[in-house]
C-alpha atoms as a PDB file:
ATOM      1  CA  MET A   1     119.950 123.200 114.116  1.00  0.00           C
ATOM      2  CA  LEU A   2     117.831 125.542 116.185  1.00  0.00           C
ATOM      3  CA  HIS A   3     117.970 125.815 119.969  1.00  0.00           C
ATOM      4  CA  MET A   4     114.804 127.171 121.542  1.00  0.00           C
ATOM      5  CA  SER A   5     114.192 128.211 125.121  1.00  0.00           C
ATOM      6  CA  GLY A   6     111.555 130.263 126.838  1.00  0.00           C
ATOM      7  CA  THR A   7     108.637 132.026 125.205  1.00  0.00           C
ATOM      8  CA  LEU A   8     110.373 134.778 123.262  1.00  0.00           C
ATOM      9  CA  VAL A   9     109.299 133.270 119.926  1.00  0.00           C
ATOM     10  CA  ASP A  10     106.234 131.254 118.938  1.00  0.00           C
ATOM     11  CA  ARG A  11     107.377 127.629 118.738  1.00  0.00           C
ATOM     12  CA  GLU A  12     104.514 126.602 116.434  1.00  0.00           C
ATOM     13  CA  ARG A  13     105.274 129.467 114.050  1.00  0.00           C
ATOM     14  CA  ILE A  14     108.925 128.423 113.912  1.00  0.00           C
ATOM     15  CA  CYS A  15     107.856 124.852 113.077  1.00  0.00           C
ATOM     16  CA  LYS A  16     105.673 126.119 110.224  1.00  0.00           C
ATOM     17  CA  CYS A  17     108.585 128.153 108.847  1.00  0.00           C
ATOM     18  CA  LEU A  18     110.845 125.115 108.976  1.00  0.00           C
ATOM     19  CA  GLN A  19     108.266 123.018 107.119  1.00  0.00           C
ATOM     20  CA  THR A  20     108.356 125.569 104.324  1.00  0.00           C
ATOM     21  CA  LEU A  21     112.136 125.841 104.071  1.00  0.00           C
ATOM     22  CA  GLN A  22     113.903 122.829 105.501  1.00  0.00           C
ATOM     23  CA  SER A  23     115.339 120.019 103.427  1.00  0.00           C
ATOM     24  CA  THR A  24     114.581 116.334 103.856  1.00  0.00           C
ATOM     25  CA  SER A  25     118.199 115.467 103.004  1.00  0.00           C
ATOM     26  CA  PRO A  26     119.757 112.598 104.974  1.00  0.00           C
ATOM     27  CA  SER A  27     122.218 113.104 107.788  1.00  0.00           C
ATOM     28  CA  TYR A  28     125.954 112.789 107.273  1.00  0.00           C
ATOM     29  CA  LEU A  29     125.849 109.411 109.013  1.00  0.00           C
ATOM     30  CA  LEU A  30     123.585 108.186 106.227  1.00  0.00           C
ATOM     31  CA  LEU A  31     125.754 109.821 103.594  1.00  0.00           C
ATOM     32  CA  ALA A  32     128.785 108.023 105.036  1.00  0.00           C
ATOM     33  CA  SER A  33     126.942 104.698 104.916  1.00  0.00           C
ATOM     34  CA  LEU A  34     126.066 105.330 101.263  1.00  0.00           C
ATOM     35  CA  ASP A  35     129.721 106.011 100.506  1.00  0.00           C
ATOM     36  CA  ALA A  36     130.694 102.765 102.250  1.00  0.00           C
ATOM     37  CA  ALA A  37     128.078 100.904 100.186  1.00  0.00           C
ATOM     38  CA  ARG A  38     129.497 102.438  96.999  1.00  0.00           C
ATOM     39  CA  ALA A  39     132.979 101.239  97.963  1.00  0.00           C
ATOM     40  CA  GLN A  40     131.642  97.738  98.632  1.00  0.00           C
ATOM     41  CA  LEU A  41     129.903  97.637  95.254  1.00  0.00           C
ATOM     42  CA  SER A  42     133.068  98.686  93.430  1.00  0.00           C
ATOM     43  CA  GLU A  43     134.950  95.629  94.765  1.00  0.00           C
ATOM     44  CA  ASN A  44     132.745  93.055  92.986  1.00  0.00           C
ATOM     45  CA  PRO A  45     130.143  94.863  90.871  1.00  0.00           C
ATOM     46  CA  GLU A  46     129.173  91.875  88.715  1.00  0.00           C
ATOM     47  CA  MET A  47     128.371  89.310  91.421  1.00  0.00           C
ATOM     48  CA  ILE A  48     127.743  91.139  94.683  1.00  0.00           C
ATOM     49  CA  PHE A  49     123.946  91.116  94.326  1.00  0.00           C
ATOM     50  CA  SER A  50     123.600  87.641  92.825  1.00  0.00           C
ATOM     51  CA  GLN A  51     122.686  85.932  96.094  1.00  0.00           C
ATOM     52  CA  ALA A  52     120.230  88.683  97.038  1.00  0.00           C
ATOM     53  CA  TRP A  53     118.547  88.495  93.616  1.00  0.00           C
ATOM     54  CA  GLU A  54     118.163  84.720  93.848  1.00  0.00           C
ATOM     55  CA  LEU A  55     116.792  84.956  97.394  1.00  0.00           C
ATOM     56  CA  ALA A  56     114.307  87.688  96.410  1.00  0.00           C
ATOM     57  CA  ALA A  57     113.046  85.625  93.456  1.00  0.00           C
ATOM     58  CA  GLU A  58     112.650  82.556  95.674  1.00  0.00           C
ATOM     59  CA  VAL A  59     110.735  84.497  98.338  1.00  0.00           C
ATOM     60  CA  ARG A  60     108.526  86.145  95.707  1.00  0.00           C
ATOM     61  CA  ASN A  61     107.564  82.768  94.205  1.00  0.00           C
ATOM     62  CA  LEU A  62     106.820  81.244  97.622  1.00  0.00           C
ATOM     63  CA  ILE A  63     104.693  84.130  98.878  1.00  0.00           C
ATOM     64  CA  LYS A  64     102.548  84.484  95.769  1.00  0.00           C
ATOM     65  CA  GLU A  65     101.455  80.858  96.232  1.00  0.00           C
ATOM     66  CA  ILE A  66      99.998  81.628  99.673  1.00  0.00           C
ATOM     67  CA  PRO A  67      96.167  81.969  99.594  1.00  0.00           C
ATOM     68  CA  GLY A  68      94.840  85.479 100.188  1.00  0.00           C
ATOM     69  CA  ILE A  69      98.210  87.161  99.583  1.00  0.00           C
ATOM     70  CA  SER A  70      99.411  88.712  96.328  1.00  0.00           C
ATOM     71  CA  VAL A  71     102.765  90.119  95.234  1.00  0.00           C
ATOM     72  CA  LEU A  72     103.202  93.070  92.898  1.00  0.00           C
ATOM     73  CA  GLU A  73     104.651  91.736  89.641  1.00  0.00           C
ATOM     74  CA  TYR A  74     106.502  93.237  86.705  1.00  0.00           C
ATOM     75  CA  GLN A  75     103.447  92.578  84.492  1.00  0.00           C
ATOM     76  CA  SER A  76     101.584  95.279  86.443  1.00  0.00           C
ATOM     77  CA  PHE A  77     103.941  97.856  84.929  1.00  0.00           C
ATOM     78  CA  SER A  78     104.073  96.846  81.286  1.00  0.00           C
ATOM     79  CA  SER A  79     105.144 100.346  80.217  1.00  0.00           C
ATOM     80  CA  PHE A  80     108.151 100.290  82.579  1.00  0.00           C
ATOM     81  CA  PRO A  81     111.464  98.768  81.440  1.00  0.00           C
ATOM     82  CA  MET A  82     111.784  96.940  84.775  1.00  0.00           C
ATOM     83  CA  ILE A  83     111.038  97.145  88.497  1.00  0.00           C
ATOM     84  CA  ASP A  84     113.408  96.668  91.427  1.00  0.00           C
ATOM     85  CA  PRO A  85     113.790  92.867  91.762  1.00  0.00           C
ATOM     86  CA  LEU A  86     114.901  93.210  95.399  1.00  0.00           C
ATOM     87  CA  ARG A  87     111.734  94.972  96.546  1.00  0.00           C
ATOM     88  CA  LEU A  88     108.698  92.879  97.458  1.00  0.00           C
ATOM     89  CA  THR A  89     105.361  94.686  97.626  1.00  0.00           C
ATOM     90  CA  ILE A  90     102.867  92.383  99.274  1.00  0.00           C
ATOM     91  CA  SER A  91      99.108  92.950  99.416  1.00  0.00           C
ATOM     92  CA  LEU A  92      97.028  91.424 102.215  1.00  0.00           C
ATOM     93  CA  TRP A  93      93.637  93.088 101.688  1.00  0.00           C
ATOM     94  CA  GLN A  94      92.066  89.758 100.722  1.00  0.00           C
ATOM     95  CA  LEU A  95      92.722  88.646 104.301  1.00  0.00           C
ATOM     96  CA  GLY A  96      90.664  91.571 105.555  1.00  0.00           C
ATOM     97  CA  LEU A  97      93.803  93.285 106.890  1.00  0.00           C
ATOM     98  CA  SER A  98      95.063  96.764 106.146  1.00  0.00           C
ATOM     99  CA  GLY A  99      98.782  97.120 105.607  1.00  0.00           C
ATOM    100  CA  TYR A 100      99.070  98.838 108.993  1.00  0.00           C
ATOM    101  CA  GLU A 101      97.267  96.020 110.822  1.00  0.00           C
ATOM    102  CA  ALA A 102      99.353  93.345 109.141  1.00  0.00           C
ATOM    103  CA  ASN A 103     102.589  95.213 109.794  1.00  0.00           C
ATOM    104  CA  GLU A 104     101.755  95.521 113.496  1.00  0.00           C
ATOM    105  CA  ILE A 105     101.299  91.747 113.737  1.00  0.00           C
ATOM    106  CA  LEU A 106     104.379  90.932 111.655  1.00  0.00           C
ATOM    107  CA  SER A 107     106.721  93.234 113.554  1.00  0.00           C
ATOM    108  CA  ARG A 108     105.367  92.348 117.007  1.00  0.00           C
ATOM    109  CA  ASP A 109     104.954  88.585 116.685  1.00  0.00           C
ATOM    110  CA  TYR A 110     107.553  87.634 114.077  1.00  0.00           C
ATOM    111  CA  GLY A 111     110.208  90.348 114.197  1.00  0.00           C
ATOM    112  CA  VAL A 112     109.686  91.074 110.494  1.00  0.00           C
ATOM    113  CA  ILE A 113     110.363  94.748 109.781  1.00  0.00           C
ATOM    114  CA  CYS A 114     109.083  96.348 106.576  1.00  0.00           C
ATOM    115  CA  GLU A 115     110.476  99.202 104.539  1.00  0.00           C
ATOM    116  CA  LEU A 116     107.115 100.866 103.945  1.00  0.00           C
ATOM    117  CA  VAL A 117     103.454 100.220 104.699  1.00  0.00           C
ATOM    118  CA  ASP A 118     100.196 101.732 103.439  1.00  0.00           C
ATOM    119  CA  THR A 119      96.491 101.024 103.641  1.00  0.00           C
ATOM    120  CA  ARG A 120      96.562  97.879 101.504  1.00  0.00           C
ATOM    121  CA  SER A 121     100.132  96.623 101.198  1.00  0.00           C
ATOM    122  CA  ILE A 122     103.565  96.254 102.764  1.00  0.00           C
ATOM    123  CA  ALA A 123     106.931  96.644 101.039  1.00  0.00           C
ATOM    124  CA  TYR A 124     110.022  94.645 102.011  1.00  0.00           C
ATOM    125  CA  VAL A 125     113.552  94.897 100.671  1.00  0.00           C
ATOM    126  CA  ILE A 126     115.978  92.009 100.248  1.00  0.00           C
ATOM    127  CA  ASN A 127     119.517  93.358 100.581  1.00  0.00           C
ATOM    128  CA  LEU A 128     123.099  92.235 101.042  1.00  0.00           C
ATOM    129  CA  GLY A 129     122.505  91.605 104.729  1.00  0.00           C
ATOM    130  CA  THR A 130     119.380  89.466 104.264  1.00  0.00           C
ATOM    131  CA  SER A 131     120.013  85.846 105.161  1.00  0.00           C
ATOM    132  CA  ARG A 132     118.020  82.765 104.246  1.00  0.00           C
ATOM    133  CA  GLU A 133     116.788  82.583 107.843  1.00  0.00           C
ATOM    134  CA  HIS A 134     115.350  86.117 107.473  1.00  0.00           C
ATOM    135  CA  ALA A 135     113.623  85.140 104.243  1.00  0.00           C
ATOM    136  CA  GLN A 136     112.175  81.954 105.747  1.00  0.00           C
ATOM    137  CA  ARG A 137     110.836  83.943 108.696  1.00  0.00           C
ATOM    138  CA  LEU A 138     108.993  86.283 106.306  1.00  0.00           C
ATOM    139  CA  VAL A 139     107.479  83.408 104.333  1.00  0.00           C
ATOM    140  CA  SER A 140     106.435  81.565 107.510  1.00  0.00           C
ATOM    141  CA  ALA A 141     104.836  84.729 108.893  1.00  0.00           C
ATOM    142  CA  MET A 142     102.822  85.203 105.700  1.00  0.00           C
ATOM    143  CA  LYS A 143     101.625  81.591 105.823  1.00  0.00           C
ATOM    144  CA  ASP A 144     100.515  82.077 109.435  1.00  0.00           C
ATOM    145  CA  LEU A 145      98.609  85.261 108.525  1.00  0.00           C
ATOM    146  CA  SER A 146      96.855  83.429 105.706  1.00  0.00           C
ATOM    147  CA  ALA A 147      95.935  80.490 107.931  1.00  0.00           C
ATOM    148  CA  THR A 148      94.649  82.809 110.665  1.00  0.00           C
ATOM    149  CA  PHE A 149      92.723  85.444 108.740  1.00  0.00           C
ATOM    150  CA  LEU A 150      91.622  83.878 105.448  1.00  0.00           C
ATOM    151  CA  PRO A 151      88.848  81.809 107.115  1.00  0.00           C
ATOM    152  CA  VAL A 152      87.525  84.875 108.954  1.00  0.00           C
ATOM    153  CA  GLN A 153      86.312  86.566 105.747  1.00  0.00           C
ATOM    154  CA  ARG A 154      85.603  89.997 107.185  1.00  0.00           C
ATOM    155  CA  VAL A 155      83.190  92.248 105.334  1.00  0.00           C
ATOM    156  CA  GLU A 156      84.889  93.503 102.195  1.00  0.00           C
ATOM    157  CA  GLU A 157      85.523  97.205 101.893  1.00  0.00           C
ATOM    158  CA  SER A 158      83.653  98.997  99.161  1.00  0.00           C
ATOM    159  CA  ALA A 159      85.551 100.066  96.072  1.00  0.00           C
ATOM    160  CA  GLU A 160      84.875 103.663  97.048  1.00  0.00           C
ATOM    161  CA  SER A 161      86.652 103.361 100.396  1.00  0.00           C
ATOM    162  CA  THR A 162      89.611 101.291  99.188  1.00  0.00           C
ATOM    163  CA  ASN A 163      90.276 103.366  96.104  1.00  0.00           C
ATOM    164  CA  CYS A 164      89.697 106.790  97.591  1.00  0.00           C
ATOM    165  CA  LEU A 165      91.562 109.437  95.606  1.00  0.00           C
ATOM    166  CA  PRO A 166      91.929 112.507  97.834  1.00  0.00           C
ATOM    167  CA  PHE A 167      93.428 114.723  95.111  1.00  0.00           C
ATOM    168  CA  VAL A 168      90.926 114.493  92.265  1.00  0.00           C
ATOM    169  CA  ASP A 169      88.906 117.533  93.356  1.00  0.00           C
ATOM    170  CA  SER A 170      91.653 119.580  95.008  1.00  0.00           C
ATOM    171  CA  LYS A 171      91.570 123.347  94.494  1.00  0.00           C
ATOM    172  CA  ILE A 172      94.062 126.020  95.531  1.00  0.00           C
ATOM    173  CA  CYS A 173      92.510 129.251  96.774  1.00  0.00           C
ATOM    174  CA  LEU A 174      95.586 131.017  98.207  1.00  0.00           C
ATOM    175  CA  SER A 175      99.276 130.788  97.388  1.00  0.00           C
ATOM    176  CA  PRO A 176     101.443 129.206 100.100  1.00  0.00           C
ATOM    177  CA  ARG A 177     102.781 132.665 100.971  1.00  0.00           C
ATOM    178  CA  GLU A 178      99.309 134.166 101.221  1.00  0.00           C
ATOM    179  CA  ALA A 179      98.140 131.251 103.361  1.00  0.00           C
ATOM    180  CA  PHE A 180     101.161 131.516 105.640  1.00  0.00           C
ATOM    181  CA  PHE A 181     100.541 135.180 106.477  1.00  0.00           C
ATOM    182  CA  ALA A 182      96.750 134.921 106.592  1.00  0.00           C
ATOM    183  CA  ARG A 183      94.879 135.049 109.888  1.00  0.00           C
ATOM    184  CA  LYS A 184      94.280 131.586 111.311  1.00  0.00           C
ATOM    185  CA  LYS A 185      91.663 129.945 113.459  1.00  0.00           C
ATOM    186  CA  ARG A 186      91.096 126.448 114.775  1.00  0.00           C
ATOM    187  CA  VAL A 187      87.850 124.681 113.890  1.00  0.00           C
ATOM    188  CA  ASN A 188      86.314 121.280 114.550  1.00  0.00           C
ATOM    189  CA  ILE A 189      87.550 118.838 111.909  1.00  0.00           C
ATOM    190  CA  ARG A 190      84.058 118.292 110.462  1.00  0.00           C
ATOM    191  CA  HIS A 191      83.485 122.056 110.273  1.00  0.00           C
ATOM    192  CA  SER A 192      86.621 122.482 108.162  1.00  0.00           C
ATOM    193  CA  ILE A 193      85.031 121.283 104.903  1.00  0.00           C
ATOM    194  CA  GLY A 194      84.952 124.182 102.444  1.00  0.00           C
ATOM    195  CA  GLU A 195      87.431 126.227 104.507  1.00  0.00           C
ATOM    196  CA  ILE A 196      90.939 127.166 103.358  1.00  0.00           C
ATOM    197  CA  CYS A 197      93.495 124.860 104.944  1.00  0.00           C
ATOM    198  CA  GLY A 198      96.049 126.694 107.089  1.00  0.00           C
ATOM    199  CA  GLU A 199      98.537 123.892 107.698  1.00  0.00           C
ATOM    200  CA  LEU A 200     100.292 121.075 105.887  1.00  0.00           C
ATOM    201  CA  ILE A 201      98.716 117.690 106.669  1.00  0.00           C
ATOM    202  CA  CYS A 202     100.665 114.670 105.578  1.00  0.00           C
ATOM    203  CA  PRO A 203     100.000 111.002 106.428  1.00  0.00           C
ATOM    204  CA  TYR A 204     103.103 108.837 106.662  1.00  0.00           C
ATOM    205  CA  PRO A 205     103.550 106.586 104.902  1.00  0.00           C
ATOM    206  CA  PRO A 206     103.578 107.459 102.073  1.00  0.00           C
ATOM    207  CA  GLY A 207     104.690 110.962 103.143  1.00  0.00           C
ATOM    208  CA  ILE A 208     102.739 112.866 100.458  1.00  0.00           C
ATOM    209  CA  PRO A 209     100.758 115.872 101.746  1.00  0.00           C
ATOM    210  CA  VAL A 210      97.024 115.416 101.338  1.00  0.00           C
ATOM    211  CA  MET A 211      96.310 119.061 102.148  1.00  0.00           C
ATOM    212  CA  ILE A 212      98.582 122.094 102.017  1.00  0.00           C
ATOM    213  CA  PRO A 213      98.142 125.694 103.201  1.00  0.00           C
ATOM    214  CA  GLY A 214      95.930 127.582 100.774  1.00  0.00           C
ATOM    215  CA  GLU A 215      93.988 124.545  99.573  1.00  0.00           C
ATOM    216  CA  ILE A 216      90.234 124.133  99.970  1.00  0.00           C
ATOM    217  CA  VAL A 217      89.398 121.346 102.437  1.00  0.00           C
ATOM    218  CA  THR A 218      87.240 118.770 100.643  1.00  0.00           C
ATOM    219  CA  GLU A 219      85.127 116.014 102.120  1.00  0.00           C
ATOM    220  CA  ARG A 220      86.976 113.437 100.035  1.00  0.00           C
ATOM    221  CA  ALA A 221      90.398 114.499 101.336  1.00  0.00           C
ATOM    222  CA  LEU A 222      89.132 114.686 104.916  1.00  0.00           C
ATOM    223  CA  ASP A 223      87.564 111.224 104.756  1.00  0.00           C
ATOM    224  CA  TYR A 224      90.821 109.840 103.366  1.00  0.00           C
ATOM    225  CA  LEU A 225      92.853 111.379 106.201  1.00  0.00           C
ATOM    226  CA  LEU A 226      90.518 110.071 108.883  1.00  0.00           C
ATOM    227  CA  ARG A 227      90.479 106.614 107.335  1.00  0.00           C
ATOM    228  CA  VAL A 228      94.247 106.205 107.047  1.00  0.00           C
ATOM    229  CA  LYS A 229      94.688 107.563 110.574  1.00  0.00           C
ATOM    230  CA  MET A 230      92.195 104.986 111.868  1.00  0.00           C
ATOM    231  CA  GLU A 231      94.118 102.268 110.039  1.00  0.00           C
ATOM    232  CA  GLY A 232      97.421 103.265 111.662  1.00  0.00           C
ATOM    233  CA  ALA A 233      99.071 105.999 109.605  1.00  0.00           C
ATOM    234  CA  VAL A 234     101.001 108.734 111.424  1.00  0.00           C
ATOM    235  CA  ILE A 235      99.700 112.221 110.609  1.00  0.00           C
ATOM    236  CA  SER A 236     102.565 114.702 110.416  1.00  0.00           C
ATOM    237  CA  GLY A 237     102.397 118.465 109.990  1.00  0.00           C
ATOM    238  CA  ALA A 238      98.982 118.831 111.626  1.00  0.00           C
ATOM    239  CA  SER A 239      98.932 120.875 114.824  1.00  0.00           C
ATOM    240  CA  ASP A 240      96.395 118.347 116.124  1.00  0.00           C
ATOM    241  CA  PRO A 241      97.753 114.880 115.241  1.00  0.00           C
ATOM    242  CA  LEU A 242      94.500 113.330 116.475  1.00  0.00           C
ATOM    243  CA  LEU A 243      92.658 115.227 113.716  1.00  0.00           C
ATOM    244  CA  SER A 244      89.861 116.342 115.983  1.00  0.00           C
ATOM    245  CA  SER A 245      90.490 119.913 114.818  1.00  0.00           C
ATOM    246  CA  MET A 246      92.279 121.783 112.052  1.00  0.00           C
ATOM    247  CA  ILE A 247      93.880 125.181 111.509  1.00  0.00           C
ATOM    248  CA  VAL A 248      92.182 127.089 108.693  1.00  0.00           C
ATOM    249  CA  CYS A 249      92.719 130.513 107.188  1.00  0.00           C
ATOM    250  CA  GLY A 250      90.287 133.097 108.511  1.00  0.00           C
ATOM    251  CA  VAL A 251      89.949 135.137 105.319  1.00  0.00           C
END
């Protein structure tokens, strides 16, 4: 923990140092909860998840019958031995909704809270605390979304925009150390293409950096960042979270 006061040190520089060095490990409160969960599992390891498994399978079968909504299935990962049966990854792009838009409606109007959301899908987890009433609320919410948005038939996104891969043409010009100590300047976001990125820019979710210090800023990566921000993603790491400007290396 760092306590900062006054202007003796550059707050932004300290934040950049922490990004380079700090861990994303959970707090001790979370570690304690994991230990409690382990103790609970040890009491009845064979049957403790039976009800949750049955509820997850029931919810999965009900939701995949709803028009305009699809559920990620085991068949999509034929090379994997299995996928988590308690995790439901639901796609709503056929309704013309991004994952962020759908999640906003579901959390605000139905009190349905997801585990993770991205541009095209939402992930939910059925756990030991999930009741049948919770599951029914999720299914009812999905039916309402289908009934509301399926008839609208908004213009479909092009394959290029929905399947944008921001990493295919990435190129590192400076090492992270070289980029950290390089001179920096702030430029308009559209003038950053071809420059050397001077900061870590990471949309959450999924929490994977799209650009890191020392990497050449590409049009593909920039378009991806602007699109996911417009759809509701939180941009972390960037000194300008609105993405109207960017810090680049002035070398």
